Amino acid sequence: MTDNVTLEWLVTSRKNTHPMQLPDHVIGRKASQEELKGSYRRLCMLYHPDKHRDPELKRQAEQLFNLVHQAYEVLSDPQSRAIYDIYGKRGLDVEGWEVVERKRSPVEIREEFERLQREREERRLQQRTNPKGMISVGVDATDLFDRYEEDYEDVPGGGFPHVEINKMHISQSIEAPLTTSDTAVLSGSLSTHNGNGGGNINVALRRVTSAKGWGEVEFGAGDTHGPLLGMKIFRNLTARCFVTAQCGLHFSSRGVRPGCTTMLARHLDKNTMGYLQWRWGTQSSMNTSIVRDTKTSHFTLAMQLGIPHSFMMMSYQYKFQDDDQTKVKGSIKAGFFGTVVEYGAERKISRHSVLGATVSVGVPQGVSLKIKLNRASQTYFFPIHLTDQLLPSAVFYATVGPLVFYLAIQRLVIRPYVRAQKEQDLEKHRESSASDIARKRQEAESAVLLMQESVRRIIETEESKMGLIILNAWYGKFVTDNSQKHERAKVIDVTVPLQCLVKDSKLILTEATKSGLPGFYDPCVGEEKSLKLLYQFRGVMHQVLSPEGEALRIPKQSHRIDADT
């Protein structure tokens, strides 16, 4: 929540009544009871039914007066106000009123409300499976660069390179919460490589023993590695250090193969972790690494000594601070098996999808292109092997090809799809809130009519001392140079409501949404809005454009309009 809020509440009574939205004056979140009373008295004077003789105005004033009174009853009560200060509007639902009835202090309110939240989370936990999956399809495209043309001269169709899928891997896992501390995990995988394949299925039972650790027992079976019995343990040793251990027994026709892995990790500073890992078994090794992750970059330095592989690796990733969460990365890895250099990028292409591409160049591995698509909790991975040699043409096409393809898909498919999806979501939001907006509009128009007499007196007072006069004010979406063709402005006139808020030649608006101000409503639901004012102070013209969600305080010297303008 922000430090400033409007008194625009969803007030729900203890009985079965409908929630009512209440416009009110703008005050700070830490406003005292005296400030609250002052705002309440001001609105009561503005909306009091006895001040209006016209039957229609009297009826409208009575409705707004009752809303103001109900909101004041909530805000003047320390317990119910504490709920709003801690949890906002959602705190004033059924659970919130239960808290008011049972507890007395804000601390007790917080504890009781958090208990109710935990109960709701536990109910949601019983329905959550958290599925995760991965599909990997390996493509052998070496015929594009490595073949000899004379070998295919007499073969039918030999003029076309031969590209084939040589391996595939599919894995999936789901979680089934048994209790708040126990979880069952079911996972399985299928793999095939050059016509030979197999699969396995695993069942794991995980228990959270305390806030410092958890343990897991795993059972597995399959034709890839045979039956499996394993155990995992995680434990926080200190606030900055933790350890994990994993042991397993693989049963096969060749006998029992034991294996064990232990990792010790420690926070070196706020953004840096150090890891030390030991692995015992058929492939024993010791690995140490340092990982530094900040808002703009990710750096890893690792070294492994083991059988049969020993290597050193360094990688760096730069994170652009844009809406698409673009990242570029590069790494180098050298060891007994050779040297590999990788570089690539990834970018968010929709709300739940991230697309990435990496070029791998190594000796003796050759050149490969790896494409990865993350869609929610599912991963699709496509490693494409281009050549066993270091050919400049393969490196060039592996680099430029995905970039050109992405730009074309981005322009022809992704952007139109995202734009259409946003428009569809916006239209649904408008339809669902149409009745609510119509009611708010009616309340705003009623409030403006009831403000006329007060505004007339305020203007007379301000004119007598050359004070603050609001000449014109508009609120909504304005047409700019960046707006789409044929797009129209969607604004409402809020001159009267803002003049009504002027006090002692000052107008102060907090960071809260301005659609909650008296006499305001939202003219363009779901779209960016601004407040544009043309005002006069000490006989000089001023103008300002204030974006939604920003505080505004006038008059200001920087708002003056020069005589030459």
Protein backbone atom coordinates (compact mmCIF):
# COMPACT_ATOMS: atom_id res chain seq x y z
CA MET A 1 0.00 0.00 0.00
CA THR A 2 1.07 3.58 -0.58
CA ASP A 3 1.61 6.13 2.16
CA ASN A 4 -1.43 8.10 1.01
CA VAL A 5 -4.88 6.71 0.44
CA THR A 6 -8.29 8.10 -0.40
CA LEU A 7 -11.28 7.39 1.79
CA GLU A 8 -12.72 5.23 -0.97
CA TRP A 9 -13.74 2.09 0.82
CA LEU A 10 -15.59 -1.09 0.24
CA VAL A 11 -17.65 -1.11 3.43
CA THR A 12 -19.29 -4.45 4.19
CA SER A 13 -21.67 -4.60 7.15
CA ARG A 14 -21.88 -7.51 9.55
CA LYS A 15 -25.14 -8.70 7.99
CA ASN A 16 -25.96 -9.72 4.42
CA THR A 17 -25.81 -6.35 2.68
CA HIS A 18 -24.12 -5.34 -0.54
CA PRO A 19 -20.73 -3.56 -0.50
CA MET A 20 -20.93 0.18 -1.19
CA GLN A 21 -18.16 2.33 -2.60
CA LEU A 22 -17.72 5.66 -0.87
CA PRO A 23 -16.01 8.74 -2.33
CA ASP A 24 -14.50 11.06 0.21
CA HIS A 25 -11.90 13.72 0.77
CA VAL A 26 -8.19 12.91 0.40
CA ILE A 27 -6.19 12.45 3.59
CA GLY A 28 -2.88 10.87 4.50
CA ARG A 29 -2.72 7.29 5.67
CA LYS A 30 -1.44 8.47 9.06
CA ALA A 31 -4.10 11.15 9.42
CA SER A 32 -5.12 11.88 12.99
CA GLN A 33 -8.65 11.60 14.33
CA GLU A 34 -8.91 15.39 14.19
CA GLU A 35 -8.02 15.42 10.47
CA LEU A 36 -10.52 12.65 9.87
CA LYS A 37 -13.23 14.57 11.73
CA GLY A 38 -12.44 17.71 9.75
CA SER A 39 -12.80 15.87 6.45
CA TYR A 40 -16.01 14.23 7.69
CA ARG A 41 -17.54 17.55 8.76
CA ARG A 42 -16.63 19.15 5.44
CA LEU A 43 -18.35 16.44 3.45
CA CYS A 44 -21.36 16.45 5.76
CA MET A 45 -21.78 20.16 5.11
CA LEU A 46 -21.47 19.55 1.38
CA TYR A 47 -23.87 16.60 1.17
CA HIS A 48 -26.34 17.33 3.98
CA PRO A 49 -29.87 16.78 2.59
CA ASP A 50 -31.35 19.77 4.49
CA LYS A 51 -29.23 22.15 2.40
CA HIS A 52 -31.10 21.30 -0.79
CA ARG A 53 -34.74 22.08 -1.58
CA ASP A 54 -34.95 20.39 -4.97
CA PRO A 55 -36.40 16.87 -4.40
CA GLU A 56 -33.95 15.19 -6.81
CA LEU A 57 -30.92 16.95 -5.34
CA LYS A 58 -32.18 16.17 -1.86
CA ARG A 59 -32.44 12.46 -2.72
CA GLN A 60 -28.94 12.37 -4.21
CA ALA A 61 -27.51 14.26 -1.24
CA GLU A 62 -29.12 11.80 1.16
CA GLN A 63 -27.49 8.84 -0.59
CA LEU A 64 -24.01 10.39 -0.52
CA PHE A 65 -24.51 11.58 3.05
CA ASN A 66 -25.32 8.03 4.19
CA LEU A 67 -22.23 6.67 2.42
CA VAL A 68 -20.02 9.26 4.10
CA HIS A 69 -21.52 8.42 7.49
CA GLN A 70 -20.96 4.67 7.05
CA ALA A 71 -17.32 5.22 6.01
CA TYR A 72 -16.73 7.47 9.01
CA GLU A 73 -18.09 4.78 11.35
CA VAL A 74 -15.48 2.37 9.99
CA LEU A 75 -12.57 4.83 10.01
CA SER A 76 -13.29 6.28 13.42
CA ASP A 77 -13.12 2.83 15.01
CA PRO A 78 -9.46 2.00 15.91
CA GLN A 79 -9.86 -1.74 15.30
CA SER A 80 -11.53 -1.55 11.88
CA ARG A 81 -9.19 1.23 10.79
CA ALA A 82 -6.21 -0.91 11.84
CA ILE A 83 -7.47 -3.65 9.51
CA TYR A 84 -7.49 -1.23 6.57
CA ASP A 85 -4.08 0.21 7.44
CA ILE A 86 -2.59 -3.31 7.43
CA TYR A 87 -4.52 -5.07 4.64
CA GLY A 88 -6.48 -2.46 2.70
CA LYS A 89 -9.93 -3.02 1.29
CA ARG A 90 -9.67 -6.80 1.35
CA GLY A 91 -9.37 -6.63 5.12
CA LEU A 92 -12.92 -5.35 5.40
CA ASP A 93 -14.46 -8.63 4.24
CA VAL A 94 -16.02 -11.32 6.42
CA GLU A 95 -12.70 -12.37 7.92
CA GLY A 96 -11.89 -8.77 8.74
CA TRP A 97 -15.11 -8.29 10.68
CA GLU A 98 -14.42 -11.48 12.58
CA VAL A 99 -11.14 -9.91 13.65
CA VAL A 100 -12.86 -6.73 14.85
CA GLU A 101 -15.23 -8.75 17.00
CA ARG A 102 -12.57 -10.91 18.59
CA LYS A 103 -9.49 -8.72 19.04
CA ARG A 104 -8.73 -5.29 20.38
CA SER A 105 -5.23 -4.08 19.49
CA PRO A 106 -3.66 -3.69 16.00
CA VAL A 107 -1.04 -6.30 16.92
CA GLU A 108 -3.75 -8.81 17.83
CA ILE A 109 -5.64 -7.91 14.66
CA ARG A 110 -2.55 -8.67 12.55
CA GLU A 111 -2.00 -12.02 14.28
CA GLU A 112 -5.63 -13.07 13.91
CA PHE A 113 -5.83 -11.99 10.27
CA GLU A 114 -2.61 -13.84 9.42
CA ARG A 115 -4.04 -16.95 11.07
CA LEU A 116 -7.12 -16.72 8.86
CA GLN A 117 -4.90 -16.21 5.82
CA ARG A 118 -2.89 -19.33 6.68
CA GLU A 119 -6.11 -21.34 6.89
CA ARG A 120 -7.14 -20.15 3.44
CA GLU A 121 -3.67 -20.97 2.07
CA GLU A 122 -3.90 -24.46 3.55
CA ARG A 123 -7.22 -25.00 1.76
CA ARG A 124 -5.67 -23.83 -1.51
CA LEU A 125 -2.68 -26.07 -0.87
CA GLN A 126 -4.85 -29.16 -0.94
CA GLN A 127 -5.92 -28.33 -4.49
CA ARG A 128 -2.49 -27.47 -5.91
CA THR A 129 -0.48 -30.01 -7.94
CA ASN A 130 2.29 -27.73 -9.26
CA PRO A 131 2.92 -29.64 -12.52
CA LYS A 132 6.32 -29.31 -14.18
CA GLY A 133 7.48 -30.80 -17.44
CA MET A 134 10.14 -30.76 -20.11
CA ILE A 135 10.23 -31.90 -23.73
CA SER A 136 13.62 -32.09 -25.43
CA VAL A 137 13.97 -32.89 -29.13
CA GLY A 138 17.48 -33.32 -30.52
CA VAL A 139 17.97 -32.53 -34.22
CA ASP A 140 20.90 -33.69 -36.35
CA ALA A 141 21.40 -31.10 -39.08
CA THR A 142 25.06 -31.82 -39.89
CA ASP A 143 24.07 -32.68 -43.45
CA LEU A 144 23.53 -28.96 -44.05
CA PHE A 145 27.25 -28.17 -43.74
CA ASP A 146 29.33 -31.36 -43.58
CA ARG A 147 28.18 -33.44 -46.56
CA TYR A 148 30.11 -34.04 -49.79
CA GLU A 149 28.05 -33.23 -52.89
CA GLU A 150 29.56 -36.07 -54.95
CA ASP A 151 28.22 -38.63 -52.47
CA TYR A 152 24.65 -37.67 -53.36
CA GLU A 153 24.85 -37.22 -57.13
CA ASP A 154 23.32 -40.63 -57.93
CA VAL A 155 20.93 -40.79 -54.95
CA PRO A 156 17.26 -39.90 -55.62
CA GLY A 157 16.46 -36.71 -53.78
CA GLY A 158 20.12 -36.31 -52.96
CA GLY A 159 19.99 -32.63 -53.75
CA PHE A 160 18.23 -31.90 -50.45
CA PRO A 161 20.11 -32.06 -47.13
CA HIS A 162 18.94 -34.74 -44.75
CA VAL A 163 17.79 -33.45 -41.33
CA GLU A 164 16.60 -35.95 -38.74
CA ILE A 165 15.54 -36.19 -35.11
CA ASN A 166 18.08 -38.42 -33.39
CA LYS A 167 17.01 -38.15 -29.73
CA MET A 168 14.05 -37.19 -27.62
CA HIS A 169 13.38 -36.82 -23.91
CA ILE A 170 10.07 -36.21 -22.13
CA SER A 171 9.73 -35.72 -18.36
CA GLN A 172 6.83 -34.68 -16.16
CA SER A 173 6.24 -34.29 -12.43
CA ILE A 174 3.34 -33.34 -10.20
CA GLU A 175 3.11 -32.58 -6.50
CA ALA A 176 0.28 -33.70 -4.23
CA PRO A 177 0.20 -31.95 -0.84
CA LEU A 178 -0.82 -34.47 1.82
CA THR A 179 -0.64 -32.13 4.83
CA THR A 180 0.85 -28.72 5.48
CA SER A 181 4.25 -30.36 6.00
CA ASP A 182 4.07 -33.51 3.82
CA THR A 183 4.11 -33.63 0.03
CA ALA A 184 4.12 -36.53 -2.42
CA VAL A 185 5.91 -36.04 -5.75
CA LEU A 186 5.25 -38.28 -8.75
CA SER A 187 7.63 -37.97 -11.71
CA GLY A 188 8.46 -39.92 -14.83
CA SER A 189 10.50 -39.68 -18.00
CA LEU A 190 10.92 -41.29 -21.40
CA SER A 191 14.06 -41.10 -23.53
CA THR A 192 15.13 -42.33 -26.93
CA HIS A 193 18.45 -41.96 -28.79
CA ASN A 194 19.18 -43.36 -32.25
CA GLY A 195 16.40 -45.92 -31.98
CA ASN A 196 17.16 -47.08 -28.43
CA GLY A 197 15.06 -45.86 -25.55
CA GLY A 198 13.77 -46.40 -22.06
CA GLY A 199 11.97 -44.76 -19.21
CA ASN A 200 11.55 -44.61 -15.48
CA ILE A 201 9.03 -43.53 -12.84
CA ASN A 202 9.80 -42.12 -9.41
CA VAL A 203 7.76 -41.47 -6.27
CA ALA A 204 9.10 -39.20 -3.54
CA LEU A 205 7.74 -38.31 -0.11
CA ARG A 206 8.92 -34.95 1.25
CA ARG A 207 8.45 -33.73 4.81
CA VAL A 208 9.24 -30.27 6.14
CA THR A 209 10.63 -31.05 9.59
CA SER A 210 11.07 -27.44 10.72
CA ALA A 211 11.69 -23.93 9.47
CA LYS A 212 15.33 -24.95 9.07
CA GLY A 213 15.09 -28.09 6.99
CA TRP A 214 13.28 -30.87 5.17
CA GLY A 215 13.87 -34.48 4.15
CA GLU A 216 12.80 -36.62 1.21
CA VAL A 217 12.69 -40.35 0.47
CA GLU A 218 12.58 -41.45 -3.17
CA PHE A 219 11.65 -44.74 -4.82
CA GLY A 220 12.12 -45.40 -8.52
CA ALA A 221 11.92 -48.07 -11.17
CA GLY A 222 12.72 -48.23 -14.86
CA ASP A 223 14.71 -49.90 -17.60
CA THR A 224 17.25 -47.07 -17.80
CA HIS A 225 19.01 -47.45 -14.45
CA GLY A 226 16.95 -50.14 -12.73
CA PRO A 227 15.28 -49.83 -9.32
CA LEU A 228 16.31 -46.84 -7.21
CA LEU A 229 16.22 -46.07 -3.50
CA GLY A 230 17.33 -42.58 -2.48
CA MET A 231 17.20 -39.96 0.24
CA LYS A 232 17.65 -36.18 0.25
CA ILE A 233 18.20 -33.84 3.19
CA PHE A 234 18.26 -30.04 3.37
CA ARG A 235 19.31 -28.12 6.47
CA ASN A 236 20.01 -24.49 7.32
CA LEU A 237 23.13 -24.48 9.47
CA THR A 238 23.10 -20.73 10.11
CA ALA A 239 21.28 -17.72 8.70
CA ARG A 240 23.92 -17.53 5.93
CA CYS A 241 24.82 -21.18 5.38
CA PHE A 242 22.97 -24.37 4.39
CA VAL A 243 23.86 -27.94 3.40
CA THR A 244 22.17 -30.55 1.20
CA ALA A 245 22.94 -34.27 1.00
CA GLN A 246 21.66 -36.87 -1.44
CA CYS A 247 22.37 -40.60 -1.32
CA GLY A 248 21.06 -43.32 -3.58
CA LEU A 249 21.31 -47.01 -4.44
CA HIS A 250 20.83 -48.20 -8.03
CA PHE A 251 20.02 -51.91 -8.42
CA SER A 252 20.86 -53.62 -11.71
CA SER A 253 22.04 -56.93 -13.13
CA ARG A 254 25.60 -55.79 -12.54
CA GLY A 255 24.99 -55.31 -8.85
CA VAL A 256 24.30 -52.37 -6.55
CA ARG A 257 25.77 -48.99 -7.46
CA PRO A 258 25.89 -46.55 -4.54
CA GLY A 259 26.20 -42.81 -4.99
CA CYS A 260 26.28 -39.80 -2.75
CA THR A 261 26.36 -36.03 -3.30
CA THR A 262 26.89 -33.34 -0.66
CA MET A 263 26.79 -29.59 -1.17
CA LEU A 264 27.67 -26.81 1.23
CA ALA A 265 26.52 -23.27 0.37
CA ARG A 266 27.16 -19.94 2.05
CA HIS A 267 26.13 -16.33 1.47
CA LEU A 268 29.35 -14.39 0.90
CA ASP A 269 27.45 -11.10 0.71
CA LYS A 270 23.99 -9.83 -0.16
CA ASN A 271 24.21 -10.92 -3.83
CA THR A 272 26.92 -13.60 -3.82
CA MET A 273 26.76 -17.30 -3.01
CA GLY A 274 29.62 -19.76 -2.67
CA TYR A 275 29.12 -23.50 -3.28
CA LEU A 276 31.28 -26.52 -2.51
CA GLN A 277 30.11 -29.91 -3.78
CA TRP A 278 31.44 -33.45 -3.39
CA ARG A 279 30.23 -36.42 -5.41
CA TRP A 280 31.13 -40.06 -4.67
CA GLY A 281 30.29 -42.98 -6.95
CA THR A 282 31.16 -44.22 -10.42
CA GLN A 283 31.96 -40.61 -11.41
CA SER A 284 33.53 -38.95 -8.36
CA SER A 285 34.31 -35.25 -8.43
CA MET A 286 34.69 -32.09 -6.37
CA ASN A 287 33.12 -28.86 -7.62
CA THR A 288 33.39 -25.34 -6.29
CA SER A 289 31.64 -22.27 -7.66
CA ILE A 290 30.86 -18.62 -6.92
CA VAL A 291 27.58 -17.16 -8.15
CA ARG A 292 26.81 -13.45 -8.04
CA ASP A 293 23.28 -12.39 -8.96
CA THR A 294 22.22 -8.74 -9.01
CA LYS A 295 19.37 -6.80 -10.56
CA THR A 296 21.34 -6.17 -13.75
CA SER A 297 23.73 -9.14 -14.07
CA HIS A 298 24.46 -12.77 -13.21
CA PHE A 299 28.04 -14.07 -12.94
CA THR A 300 29.26 -17.63 -12.33
CA LEU A 301 32.80 -18.95 -11.86
CA ALA A 302 33.15 -22.72 -11.37
CA MET A 303 35.89 -25.36 -11.24
CA GLN A 304 35.57 -29.14 -11.11
CA LEU A 305 38.16 -31.82 -10.44
CA GLY A 306 36.95 -35.34 -11.08
CA ILE A 307 36.79 -38.56 -13.00
CA PRO A 308 36.43 -38.54 -15.97
CA HIS A 309 35.83 -34.78 -16.39
CA SER A 310 37.72 -31.82 -14.97
CA PHE A 311 37.03 -28.29 -16.18
CA MET A 312 36.83 -24.58 -15.47
CA MET A 313 33.83 -22.49 -16.45
CA MET A 314 32.97 -18.81 -16.42
CA SER A 315 29.69 -17.24 -17.52
CA TYR A 316 28.17 -13.78 -17.50
CA GLN A 317 24.62 -12.63 -18.12
CA TYR A 318 23.42 -9.05 -18.51
CA LYS A 319 19.80 -8.19 -17.68
CA PHE A 320 18.19 -5.29 -19.49
CA GLN A 321 15.71 -3.29 -17.43
CA ASP A 322 12.90 -3.40 -19.97
CA ASP A 323 9.37 -4.77 -19.98
CA ASP A 324 10.42 -7.82 -22.01
CA GLN A 325 13.10 -8.84 -19.46
CA THR A 326 15.74 -9.22 -22.17
CA LYS A 327 18.97 -11.00 -21.21
CA VAL A 328 22.20 -11.59 -23.12
CA LYS A 329 24.74 -14.14 -21.94
CA GLY A 330 28.10 -15.64 -22.75
CA SER A 331 30.26 -18.41 -21.26
CA ILE A 332 33.49 -20.30 -21.78
CA LYS A 333 34.23 -23.79 -20.52
CA ALA A 334 37.56 -25.58 -20.85
CA GLY A 335 38.64 -28.99 -19.59
CA PHE A 336 39.90 -32.45 -20.48
CA PHE A 337 37.04 -32.88 -22.97
CA GLY A 338 37.93 -29.72 -24.93
CA THR A 339 36.77 -26.10 -25.00
CA VAL A 340 33.28 -24.72 -25.55
CA VAL A 341 32.23 -21.10 -26.05
CA GLU A 342 28.54 -20.22 -25.81
CA TYR A 343 26.63 -16.99 -26.35
CA GLY A 344 22.95 -16.23 -26.63
CA ALA A 345 19.93 -14.24 -25.49
CA GLU A 346 16.47 -14.73 -24.08
CA ARG A 347 13.39 -12.55 -23.98
CA LYS A 348 9.87 -12.59 -22.64
CA ILE A 349 7.47 -12.86 -25.58
CA SER A 350 4.18 -13.02 -23.68
CA ARG A 351 2.83 -12.96 -20.15
CA HIS A 352 3.87 -16.57 -19.42
CA SER A 353 6.42 -17.36 -22.16
CA VAL A 354 10.17 -16.80 -22.42
CA LEU A 355 12.09 -17.62 -25.62
CA GLY A 356 15.85 -18.10 -25.70
CA ALA A 357 18.54 -19.13 -28.18
CA THR A 358 22.17 -20.11 -27.54
CA VAL A 359 24.98 -20.78 -30.00
CA SER A 360 27.59 -23.32 -28.86
CA VAL A 361 31.00 -23.44 -30.56
CA GLY A 362 33.55 -25.97 -29.32
CA VAL A 363 36.37 -28.39 -29.98
CA PRO A 364 35.74 -31.23 -30.68
CA GLN A 365 31.94 -30.75 -30.35
CA GLY A 366 31.54 -28.47 -33.36
CA VAL A 367 28.71 -25.96 -33.72
CA SER A 368 25.23 -26.30 -32.24
CA LEU A 369 22.17 -24.10 -31.87
CA LYS A 370 20.02 -24.53 -28.75
CA ILE A 371 16.49 -23.10 -28.68
CA LYS A 372 14.48 -23.07 -25.47
CA LEU A 373 10.89 -22.01 -24.81
CA ASN A 374 9.59 -21.73 -21.25
CA ARG A 375 5.82 -21.65 -21.10
CA ALA A 376 4.62 -21.32 -17.49
CA SER A 377 6.04 -24.46 -15.79
CA GLN A 378 6.69 -26.32 -19.06
CA THR A 379 10.01 -26.24 -20.92
CA TYR A 380 10.55 -27.07 -24.58
CA PHE A 381 14.19 -27.58 -25.58
CA PHE A 382 15.53 -28.07 -29.11
CA PRO A 383 19.30 -28.71 -29.44
CA ILE A 384 20.24 -28.59 -33.13
CA HIS A 385 23.66 -30.01 -34.02
CA LEU A 386 24.89 -28.19 -37.16
CA THR A 387 28.43 -29.45 -37.75
CA ASP A 388 31.26 -31.40 -36.12
CA GLN A 389 33.77 -28.87 -37.43
CA LEU A 390 34.43 -25.20 -36.72
CA LEU A 391 32.93 -23.75 -39.89
CA PRO A 392 32.42 -19.96 -40.09
CA SER A 393 29.31 -20.45 -42.22
CA ALA A 394 27.68 -22.61 -39.52
CA VAL A 395 28.48 -20.02 -36.83
CA PHE A 396 27.09 -17.22 -39.01
CA TYR A 397 23.80 -18.96 -39.81
CA ALA A 398 23.39 -20.16 -36.21
CA THR A 399 23.71 -16.53 -35.06
CA VAL A 400 21.82 -14.62 -37.74
CA GLY A 401 19.15 -17.20 -38.57
CA PRO A 402 17.35 -17.23 -35.18
CA LEU A 403 17.59 -13.44 -34.94
CA VAL A 404 15.94 -12.88 -38.34
CA PHE A 405 13.33 -15.54 -37.60
CA TYR A 406 12.51 -14.00 -34.21
CA LEU A 407 12.14 -10.48 -35.63
CA ALA A 408 9.78 -11.77 -38.31
CA ILE A 409 7.68 -13.78 -35.85
CA GLN A 410 7.71 -10.87 -33.39
CA ARG A 411 6.31 -8.47 -35.98
CA LEU A 412 3.91 -10.82 -37.77
CA VAL A 413 2.66 -13.05 -34.94
CA ILE A 414 3.64 -12.14 -31.39
CA ARG A 415 2.87 -8.41 -31.36
CA PRO A 416 -0.55 -8.77 -33.06
CA TYR A 417 -1.41 -11.63 -30.69
CA VAL A 418 -0.36 -9.73 -27.55
CA ARG A 419 -2.18 -6.61 -28.73
CA ALA A 420 -5.34 -8.58 -29.42
CA GLN A 421 -5.05 -10.34 -26.07
CA LYS A 422 -4.73 -7.04 -24.21
CA GLU A 423 -7.71 -5.58 -26.04
CA GLN A 424 -9.74 -8.69 -25.26
CA ASP A 425 -8.83 -8.58 -21.56
CA LEU A 426 -9.59 -4.86 -21.46
CA GLU A 427 -12.98 -5.40 -23.09
CA LYS A 428 -13.84 -8.14 -20.59
CA HIS A 429 -12.82 -5.86 -17.74
CA ARG A 430 -15.00 -3.08 -19.14
CA GLU A 431 -17.99 -5.38 -19.49
CA SER A 432 -17.61 -6.78 -15.97
CA SER A 433 -17.32 -3.31 -14.44
CA ALA A 434 -19.86 -1.54 -16.64
CA SER A 435 -22.60 -1.45 -14.00
CA ASP A 436 -20.15 -0.36 -11.31
CA ILE A 437 -18.80 2.45 -13.52
CA ALA A 438 -22.33 3.57 -14.36
CA ARG A 439 -23.14 3.79 -10.65
CA LYS A 440 -19.93 5.72 -9.93
CA ARG A 441 -20.66 8.07 -12.80
CA GLN A 442 -24.13 8.76 -11.42
CA GLU A 443 -22.67 9.39 -7.95
CA ALA A 444 -20.01 11.70 -9.45
CA GLU A 445 -22.60 13.71 -11.39
CA SER A 446 -24.75 13.98 -8.27
CA ALA A 447 -21.75 15.14 -6.26
CA VAL A 448 -20.92 17.83 -8.86
CA LEU A 449 -24.48 19.20 -8.69
CA LEU A 450 -24.30 19.32 -4.90
CA MET A 451 -20.94 21.13 -5.04
CA GLN A 452 -22.13 24.10 -7.11
CA GLU A 453 -23.04 26.38 -4.21
CA SER A 454 -19.87 25.55 -2.26
CA VAL A 455 -17.72 26.12 -5.35
CA ARG A 456 -19.34 29.50 -5.94
CA ARG A 457 -18.41 30.62 -2.42
CA ILE A 458 -14.86 29.23 -2.75
CA ILE A 459 -14.32 31.09 -6.03
CA GLU A 460 -15.56 34.35 -4.51
CA THR A 461 -13.16 33.93 -1.59
CA GLU A 462 -10.20 33.09 -3.84
CA GLU A 463 -10.92 35.96 -6.24
CA SER A 464 -11.01 38.45 -3.38
CA LYS A 465 -7.38 37.62 -2.49
CA MET A 466 -6.04 36.79 -5.99
CA GLY A 467 -5.87 33.15 -4.95
CA LEU A 468 -6.20 29.81 -6.73
CA ILE A 469 -8.88 29.54 -9.41
CA ILE A 470 -9.30 26.31 -11.41
CA LEU A 471 -10.20 27.47 -14.91
CA ASN A 472 -10.36 24.05 -16.61
CA ALA A 473 -9.54 20.53 -15.50
CA TRP A 474 -9.83 17.24 -17.39
CA TYR A 475 -9.22 13.68 -16.21
CA GLY A 476 -8.76 10.58 -18.39
CA LYS A 477 -6.81 9.49 -21.47
CA PHE A 478 -5.48 12.22 -23.74
CA VAL A 479 -4.50 11.89 -27.41
CA THR A 480 -0.74 12.28 -27.90
CA ASP A 481 1.69 12.04 -30.79
CA ASN A 482 2.26 8.37 -29.89
CA SER A 483 -1.44 7.52 -29.94
CA GLN A 484 -2.79 5.20 -32.60
CA LYS A 485 -4.49 6.62 -35.67
CA HIS A 486 -8.18 7.55 -35.22
CA GLU A 487 -7.83 7.16 -31.43
CA ARG A 488 -10.05 9.58 -29.51
CA ALA A 489 -9.54 11.23 -26.15
CA LYS A 490 -11.55 9.82 -23.22
CA VAL A 491 -11.73 12.55 -20.60
CA ILE A 492 -14.23 14.06 -18.18
CA ASP A 493 -14.52 17.64 -16.93
CA VAL A 494 -13.45 17.80 -13.26
CA THR A 495 -13.18 21.59 -12.89
CA VAL A 496 -15.89 21.82 -10.24
CA PRO A 497 -14.69 18.86 -8.08
CA LEU A 498 -11.11 20.19 -7.95
CA GLN A 499 -12.18 23.75 -7.17
CA CYS A 500 -14.21 22.31 -4.30
CA LEU A 501 -11.02 20.79 -2.84
CA VAL A 502 -9.17 24.14 -2.86
CA LYS A 503 -8.47 25.41 0.64
CA ASP A 504 -6.40 28.50 1.56
CA SER A 505 -5.30 28.88 -2.09
CA LYS A 506 -3.85 25.36 -2.15
CA LEU A 507 -4.80 22.07 -3.76
CA ILE A 508 -3.05 18.93 -2.52
CA LEU A 509 -3.68 15.47 -4.02
CA THR A 510 -1.93 12.36 -2.76
CA GLU A 511 -0.51 9.44 -4.75
CA ALA A 512 -3.79 7.51 -4.62
CA THR A 513 -5.85 7.00 -7.76
CA LYS A 514 -7.72 10.16 -8.64
CA SER A 515 -10.85 8.30 -9.76
CA GLY A 516 -11.78 8.04 -6.09
CA LEU A 517 -12.04 11.81 -5.58
CA PRO A 518 -15.47 13.40 -5.07
CA GLY A 519 -17.03 14.13 -8.45
CA PHE A 520 -14.59 11.82 -10.28
CA TYR A 521 -15.06 8.45 -11.96
CA ASP A 522 -12.99 6.31 -14.33
CA PRO A 523 -13.77 7.31 -17.96
CA CYS A 524 -11.45 4.70 -19.51
CA VAL A 525 -11.18 1.52 -17.44
CA GLY A 526 -7.82 -0.25 -17.70
CA GLU A 527 -6.08 2.51 -19.68
CA GLU A 528 -3.45 5.04 -18.64
CA LYS A 529 -4.92 8.26 -17.31
CA SER A 530 -3.72 11.76 -16.47
CA LEU A 531 -5.07 14.92 -14.87
CA LYS A 532 -4.67 18.16 -16.84
CA LEU A 533 -5.23 21.50 -15.13
CA LEU A 534 -5.33 25.09 -16.30
CA TYR A 535 -5.45 27.40 -13.28
CA GLN A 536 -4.89 30.99 -12.30
CA PHE A 537 -2.92 32.15 -9.28
CA ARG A 538 -2.18 35.79 -8.48
CA GLY A 539 -3.53 36.72 -11.90
CA VAL A 540 -1.00 34.50 -13.72
CA MET A 541 -1.96 31.49 -15.85
CA HIS A 542 -0.56 28.07 -14.92
CA GLN A 543 -0.82 24.64 -16.52
CA VAL A 544 0.16 21.13 -15.43
CA LEU A 545 -0.30 17.53 -16.58
CA SER A 546 -0.18 15.03 -13.70
CA PRO A 547 0.01 11.27 -14.46
CA GLU A 548 -2.22 8.88 -12.55
CA GLY A 549 -0.74 7.70 -9.27
CA GLU A 550 1.51 10.74 -8.75
CA ALA A 551 1.03 13.29 -6.00
CA LEU A 552 0.09 16.83 -7.04
CA ARG A 553 0.49 20.10 -5.16
CA ILE A 554 -0.49 23.46 -6.64
CA PRO A 555 0.25 26.28 -7.15
CA LYS A 556 3.85 25.89 -8.27
CA GLN A 557 6.26 28.29 -9.93
CA SER A 558 7.22 25.62 -12.50
CA HIS A 559 3.62 25.52 -13.79
CA ARG A 560 3.60 29.13 -14.94
CA ILE A 561 2.81 29.85 -18.59
CA ASP A 562 5.18 32.40 -20.10
CA ALA A 563 3.68 35.38 -21.87
CA ASP A 564 5.38 34.30 -25.11
CA THR A 565 3.77 30.85 -25.00
